[in-house]
């Protein structure tokens, strides 16, 4: 399985700049790897108001159980919501923070 290099903060900046893509080949590998995190480590978005409101949520450890909404993370901008999911998944996969706007090392 593809291993993410936590030192590649350039990939974080690339994602932050264009969360909807298109991505470079290397960032595509990272995004695909982040989609394969174990359920218990995976953050997702739940749309509460179509096209207007998304809330961050955490997947349950087993399929079929309800997701846990993180009520203090509600977004009116989809791109901002996607960035937050990326940051959390990056942290779960690498053990290092992805920062907000600028990458942490």
N, C-alpha and C. Protein backbone atom coordinates (compact mmCIF):
# COMPACT_ATOMS: atom_id res chain seq x y z
N UNK A 1 0.84 -1.17 0.00
CA UNK A 1 0.00 0.00 0.00
C UNK A 1 0.89 1.25 0.00
N UNK A 2 0.46 2.28 -0.66
CA UNK A 2 1.20 3.53 -0.76
C UNK A 2 1.40 4.15 0.62
N UNK A 3 2.64 4.49 0.94
CA UNK A 3 2.96 5.15 2.20
C UNK A 3 3.07 6.65 1.99
N UNK A 4 2.39 7.40 2.80
CA UNK A 4 2.43 8.86 2.71
C UNK A 4 3.66 9.37 3.46
N UNK A 5 4.42 10.22 2.81
CA UNK A 5 5.58 10.85 3.45
C UNK A 5 5.09 12.11 4.16
N UNK A 6 5.08 12.12 5.50
CA UNK A 6 4.56 13.29 6.22
C UNK A 6 5.36 14.57 5.97
N UNK A 7 6.58 14.44 5.46
CA UNK A 7 7.39 15.62 5.16
C UNK A 7 6.95 16.32 3.88
N UNK A 8 6.08 15.68 3.10
CA UNK A 8 5.65 16.26 1.81
C UNK A 8 4.55 17.30 2.01
N UNK A 9 4.90 18.36 2.72
CA UNK A 9 3.93 19.42 2.99
C UNK A 9 3.53 20.15 1.71
N UNK A 10 4.33 19.99 0.64
CA UNK A 10 3.94 20.58 -0.64
C UNK A 10 2.62 19.98 -1.13
N UNK A 11 2.38 18.71 -0.80
CA UNK A 11 1.14 18.06 -1.21
C UNK A 11 -0.05 18.60 -0.41
N UNK A 12 0.18 18.94 0.83
CA UNK A 12 -0.87 19.56 1.64
C UNK A 12 -1.25 20.91 1.03
N UNK A 13 -0.23 21.69 0.70
CA UNK A 13 -0.49 23.02 0.11
C UNK A 13 -1.22 22.88 -1.23
N UNK A 14 -0.83 21.88 -2.02
CA UNK A 14 -1.51 21.66 -3.31
C UNK A 14 -2.98 21.36 -3.09
N UNK A 15 -3.28 20.49 -2.13
CA UNK A 15 -4.68 20.15 -1.86
C UNK A 15 -5.44 21.37 -1.36
N UNK A 16 -4.84 22.11 -0.43
CA UNK A 16 -5.49 23.30 0.13
C UNK A 16 -5.84 24.31 -0.97
N UNK A 17 -4.97 24.43 -1.97
CA UNK A 17 -5.20 25.38 -3.06
C UNK A 17 -6.32 24.93 -3.99
N UNK A 18 -6.44 23.62 -4.21
CA UNK A 18 -7.44 23.08 -5.14
C UNK A 18 -8.05 21.81 -4.57
N UNK A 19 -8.93 21.94 -3.57
CA UNK A 19 -9.48 20.74 -2.94
C UNK A 19 -10.33 19.88 -3.89
N UNK A 20 -10.81 20.46 -4.95
CA UNK A 20 -11.61 19.71 -5.91
C UNK A 20 -10.82 19.17 -7.08
N UNK A 21 -9.50 19.40 -7.06
CA UNK A 21 -8.65 18.91 -8.13
C UNK A 21 -8.64 19.88 -9.30
N UNK A 22 -8.01 19.51 -10.39
CA UNK A 22 -7.28 18.25 -10.58
C UNK A 22 -6.01 18.24 -9.74
N UNK A 23 -5.56 17.01 -9.41
CA UNK A 23 -4.39 16.81 -8.58
C UNK A 23 -3.22 16.30 -9.41
N UNK A 24 -2.02 16.56 -8.89
CA UNK A 24 -0.83 15.96 -9.49
C UNK A 24 -0.90 14.44 -9.26
N UNK A 25 -0.06 13.71 -9.96
CA UNK A 25 -0.03 12.25 -9.81
C UNK A 25 0.27 11.86 -8.36
N UNK A 26 1.21 12.54 -7.73
CA UNK A 26 1.59 12.21 -6.35
C UNK A 26 0.45 12.50 -5.38
N UNK A 27 -0.22 13.65 -5.55
CA UNK A 27 -1.34 13.97 -4.66
C UNK A 27 -2.50 13.01 -4.89
N UNK A 28 -2.70 12.57 -6.10
CA UNK A 28 -3.75 11.58 -6.37
C UNK A 28 -3.49 10.31 -5.57
N UNK A 29 -2.25 9.87 -5.50
CA UNK A 29 -1.90 8.70 -4.70
C UNK A 29 -2.22 8.93 -3.23
N UNK A 30 -1.91 10.12 -2.74
CA UNK A 30 -2.18 10.45 -1.33
C UNK A 30 -3.69 10.44 -1.06
N UNK A 31 -4.46 11.12 -1.90
CA UNK A 31 -5.91 11.19 -1.72
C UNK A 31 -6.52 9.79 -1.75
N UNK A 32 -6.09 8.98 -2.68
CA UNK A 32 -6.61 7.61 -2.75
C UNK A 32 -6.25 6.82 -1.50
N UNK A 33 -5.04 7.01 -0.99
CA UNK A 33 -4.62 6.31 0.24
C UNK A 33 -5.47 6.77 1.42
N UNK A 34 -5.76 8.06 1.51
CA UNK A 34 -6.56 8.58 2.62
C UNK A 34 -7.99 8.04 2.58
N UNK A 35 -8.46 7.70 1.41
CA UNK A 35 -9.80 7.12 1.29
C UNK A 35 -9.87 5.70 1.84
N UNK A 36 -8.72 5.09 2.06
CA UNK A 36 -8.67 3.70 2.53
C UNK A 36 -8.37 3.57 4.02
N UNK A 37 -8.42 4.67 4.74
CA UNK A 37 -8.19 4.59 6.19
C UNK A 37 -9.20 3.64 6.82
N UNK A 38 -8.83 3.00 7.91
CA UNK A 38 -9.80 2.18 8.64
C UNK A 38 -11.00 3.03 9.05
N UNK A 39 -12.18 2.43 9.08
CA UNK A 39 -13.40 3.18 9.40
C UNK A 39 -13.26 4.01 10.68
N UNK A 40 -12.68 3.44 11.71
CA UNK A 40 -12.59 4.13 12.99
C UNK A 40 -11.74 5.39 12.92
N UNK A 41 -10.92 5.54 11.89
CA UNK A 41 -10.06 6.72 11.75
C UNK A 41 -10.55 7.67 10.66
N UNK A 42 -11.67 7.37 10.06
CA UNK A 42 -12.11 8.11 8.88
C UNK A 42 -13.14 9.19 9.23
N UNK A 43 -12.84 10.41 8.80
CA UNK A 43 -13.79 11.51 8.91
C UNK A 43 -14.50 11.67 7.57
N UNK A 44 -15.75 12.07 7.63
CA UNK A 44 -16.57 12.26 6.44
C UNK A 44 -17.40 13.53 6.61
N UNK A 45 -18.11 13.89 5.56
CA UNK A 45 -19.03 15.02 5.62
C UNK A 45 -20.45 14.51 5.51
N UNK A 46 -21.33 15.14 6.27
CA UNK A 46 -22.76 14.86 6.18
C UNK A 46 -23.43 16.15 5.75
N UNK A 47 -24.18 16.08 4.67
CA UNK A 47 -24.89 17.26 4.17
C UNK A 47 -26.23 17.37 4.91
N UNK A 48 -26.42 18.49 5.60
CA UNK A 48 -27.68 18.69 6.32
C UNK A 48 -28.66 19.56 5.55
N UNK A 49 -28.15 20.48 4.78
CA UNK A 49 -28.99 21.33 3.94
C UNK A 49 -28.37 21.31 2.55
N UNK A 50 -29.08 20.72 1.63
CA UNK A 50 -28.54 20.48 0.29
C UNK A 50 -27.86 21.72 -0.30
N UNK A 51 -26.56 21.55 -0.56
CA UNK A 51 -25.78 22.61 -1.19
C UNK A 51 -25.49 23.80 -0.30
N UNK A 52 -25.85 23.72 1.00
CA UNK A 52 -25.68 24.89 1.86
C UNK A 52 -25.01 24.61 3.20
N UNK A 53 -25.12 23.37 3.69
CA UNK A 53 -24.57 23.11 5.02
C UNK A 53 -24.07 21.68 5.14
N UNK A 54 -22.81 21.56 5.59
CA UNK A 54 -22.19 20.26 5.80
C UNK A 54 -21.64 20.22 7.21
N UNK A 55 -21.73 19.06 7.83
CA UNK A 55 -21.17 18.89 9.18
C UNK A 55 -20.15 17.76 9.14
N UNK A 56 -19.06 17.97 9.86
CA UNK A 56 -18.02 16.96 9.96
C UNK A 56 -18.55 15.81 10.81
N UNK A 57 -18.17 14.61 10.44
CA UNK A 57 -18.60 13.43 11.19
C UNK A 57 -17.47 12.40 11.21
N UNK A 58 -17.55 11.51 12.16
CA UNK A 58 -16.57 10.42 12.28
C UNK A 58 -17.30 9.12 12.05
N UNK A 59 -16.69 8.28 11.22
CA UNK A 59 -17.28 6.98 10.93
C UNK A 59 -17.22 6.11 12.18
N UNK A 60 -18.20 5.22 12.32
CA UNK A 60 -18.17 4.30 13.46
C UNK A 60 -17.14 3.19 13.22
N UNK A 61 -16.72 2.51 14.28
CA UNK A 61 -15.73 1.44 14.10
C UNK A 61 -16.26 0.25 13.32
N UNK A 62 -17.57 0.08 13.25
CA UNK A 62 -18.11 -1.03 12.46
C UNK A 62 -19.24 -0.53 11.57
N UNK A 63 -19.34 -1.16 10.41
CA UNK A 63 -20.38 -0.78 9.45
C UNK A 63 -21.77 -0.96 10.04
N UNK A 64 -22.66 -0.07 9.64
CA UNK A 64 -24.04 -0.15 10.06
C UNK A 64 -24.36 0.70 11.28
N UNK A 65 -23.36 1.02 12.07
CA UNK A 65 -23.59 1.89 13.23
C UNK A 65 -23.67 3.34 12.74
N UNK A 66 -24.33 4.20 13.49
CA UNK A 66 -24.47 5.59 13.04
C UNK A 66 -23.14 6.36 13.11
N UNK A 67 -23.00 7.32 12.22
CA UNK A 67 -21.83 8.20 12.27
C UNK A 67 -22.00 9.14 13.45
N UNK A 68 -20.87 9.62 13.97
CA UNK A 68 -20.89 10.57 15.08
C UNK A 68 -20.67 11.96 14.52
N UNK A 69 -21.70 12.80 14.58
CA UNK A 69 -21.57 14.18 14.10
C UNK A 69 -20.70 14.98 15.05
N UNK A 70 -19.88 15.86 14.48
CA UNK A 70 -19.05 16.76 15.26
C UNK A 70 -19.69 18.14 15.11
N UNK A 71 -20.64 18.42 15.97
CA UNK A 71 -21.53 19.57 15.82
C UNK A 71 -20.83 20.93 15.83
N UNK A 72 -19.63 21.00 16.37
CA UNK A 72 -18.95 22.30 16.38
C UNK A 72 -18.12 22.53 15.12
N UNK A 73 -18.30 21.65 14.12
CA UNK A 73 -17.64 21.81 12.82
C UNK A 73 -18.69 21.75 11.71
N UNK A 74 -19.38 22.87 11.54
CA UNK A 74 -20.42 23.01 10.51
C UNK A 74 -19.89 24.00 9.48
N UNK A 75 -20.09 23.67 8.21
CA UNK A 75 -19.53 24.46 7.11
C UNK A 75 -20.62 24.92 6.15
N UNK A 76 -20.50 26.15 5.70
CA UNK A 76 -21.37 26.68 4.66
C UNK A 76 -20.67 26.61 3.30
N UNK A 77 -19.37 26.40 3.31
CA UNK A 77 -18.58 26.31 2.09
C UNK A 77 -18.05 24.88 1.95
N UNK A 78 -18.43 24.21 0.85
CA UNK A 78 -18.06 22.82 0.65
C UNK A 78 -16.54 22.63 0.58
N UNK A 79 -15.85 23.54 -0.10
CA UNK A 79 -14.39 23.41 -0.23
C UNK A 79 -13.72 23.48 1.14
N UNK A 80 -14.19 24.35 2.02
CA UNK A 80 -13.64 24.41 3.38
C UNK A 80 -13.89 23.11 4.13
N UNK A 81 -15.05 22.53 3.93
CA UNK A 81 -15.39 21.26 4.59
C UNK A 81 -14.47 20.15 4.09
N UNK A 82 -14.23 20.10 2.79
CA UNK A 82 -13.35 19.08 2.21
C UNK A 82 -11.92 19.25 2.72
N UNK A 83 -11.48 20.49 2.85
CA UNK A 83 -10.14 20.73 3.39
C UNK A 83 -10.01 20.19 4.81
N UNK A 84 -11.04 20.39 5.62
CA UNK A 84 -11.00 19.90 7.00
C UNK A 84 -10.94 18.37 7.04
N UNK A 85 -11.69 17.70 6.19
CA UNK A 85 -11.63 16.24 6.12
C UNK A 85 -10.23 15.80 5.72
N UNK A 86 -9.65 16.45 4.73
CA UNK A 86 -8.30 16.11 4.29
C UNK A 86 -7.31 16.26 5.44
N UNK A 87 -7.37 17.38 6.15
CA UNK A 87 -6.44 17.62 7.27
C UNK A 87 -6.55 16.53 8.32
N UNK A 88 -7.77 16.16 8.65
CA UNK A 88 -7.97 15.13 9.68
C UNK A 88 -7.51 13.76 9.21
N UNK A 89 -7.78 13.44 7.96
CA UNK A 89 -7.33 12.15 7.45
C UNK A 89 -5.81 12.11 7.33
N UNK A 90 -5.21 13.22 6.90
CA UNK A 90 -3.75 13.30 6.82
C UNK A 90 -3.16 13.04 8.21
N UNK A 91 -3.69 13.69 9.22
CA UNK A 91 -3.20 13.51 10.59
C UNK A 91 -3.35 12.07 11.05
N UNK A 92 -4.49 11.45 10.73
CA UNK A 92 -4.72 10.06 11.12
C UNK A 92 -3.73 9.12 10.42
N UNK A 93 -3.42 9.40 9.17
CA UNK A 93 -2.55 8.52 8.39
C UNK A 93 -1.07 8.71 8.71
N UNK A 94 -0.68 9.94 9.05
CA UNK A 94 0.74 10.23 9.23
C UNK A 94 1.15 10.46 10.67
N UNK A 95 0.17 10.75 11.53
CA UNK A 95 0.50 11.09 12.90
C UNK A 95 0.99 12.51 13.06
N UNK A 96 0.91 13.28 11.97
CA UNK A 96 1.34 14.68 11.99
C UNK A 96 0.23 15.58 11.49
N UNK A 97 0.12 16.76 12.07
CA UNK A 97 -0.90 17.70 11.66
C UNK A 97 -0.67 18.23 10.26
N UNK A 98 -1.77 18.58 9.62
CA UNK A 98 -1.68 19.15 8.27
C UNK A 98 -1.83 20.66 8.29
N UNK A 99 -2.05 21.23 9.46
CA UNK A 99 -2.17 22.68 9.57
C UNK A 99 -3.45 23.20 8.96
N UNK A 100 -3.61 24.50 8.99
CA UNK A 100 -4.78 25.15 8.43
C UNK A 100 -4.28 26.27 7.54
N UNK A 101 -4.42 26.07 6.23
CA UNK A 101 -3.96 27.10 5.29
C UNK A 101 -2.50 26.93 4.92
N UNK A 102 -1.67 26.71 5.91
CA UNK A 102 -0.24 26.45 5.66
C UNK A 102 0.11 25.16 6.38
N UNK A 103 0.96 24.39 5.77
CA UNK A 103 1.29 23.08 6.32
C UNK A 103 2.19 23.19 7.54
N UNK A 104 1.93 22.31 8.49
CA UNK A 104 2.82 22.17 9.64
C UNK A 104 3.80 21.06 9.33
N UNK A 105 4.95 21.08 9.92
CA UNK A 105 5.92 20.05 9.69
C UNK A 105 6.07 19.19 10.83
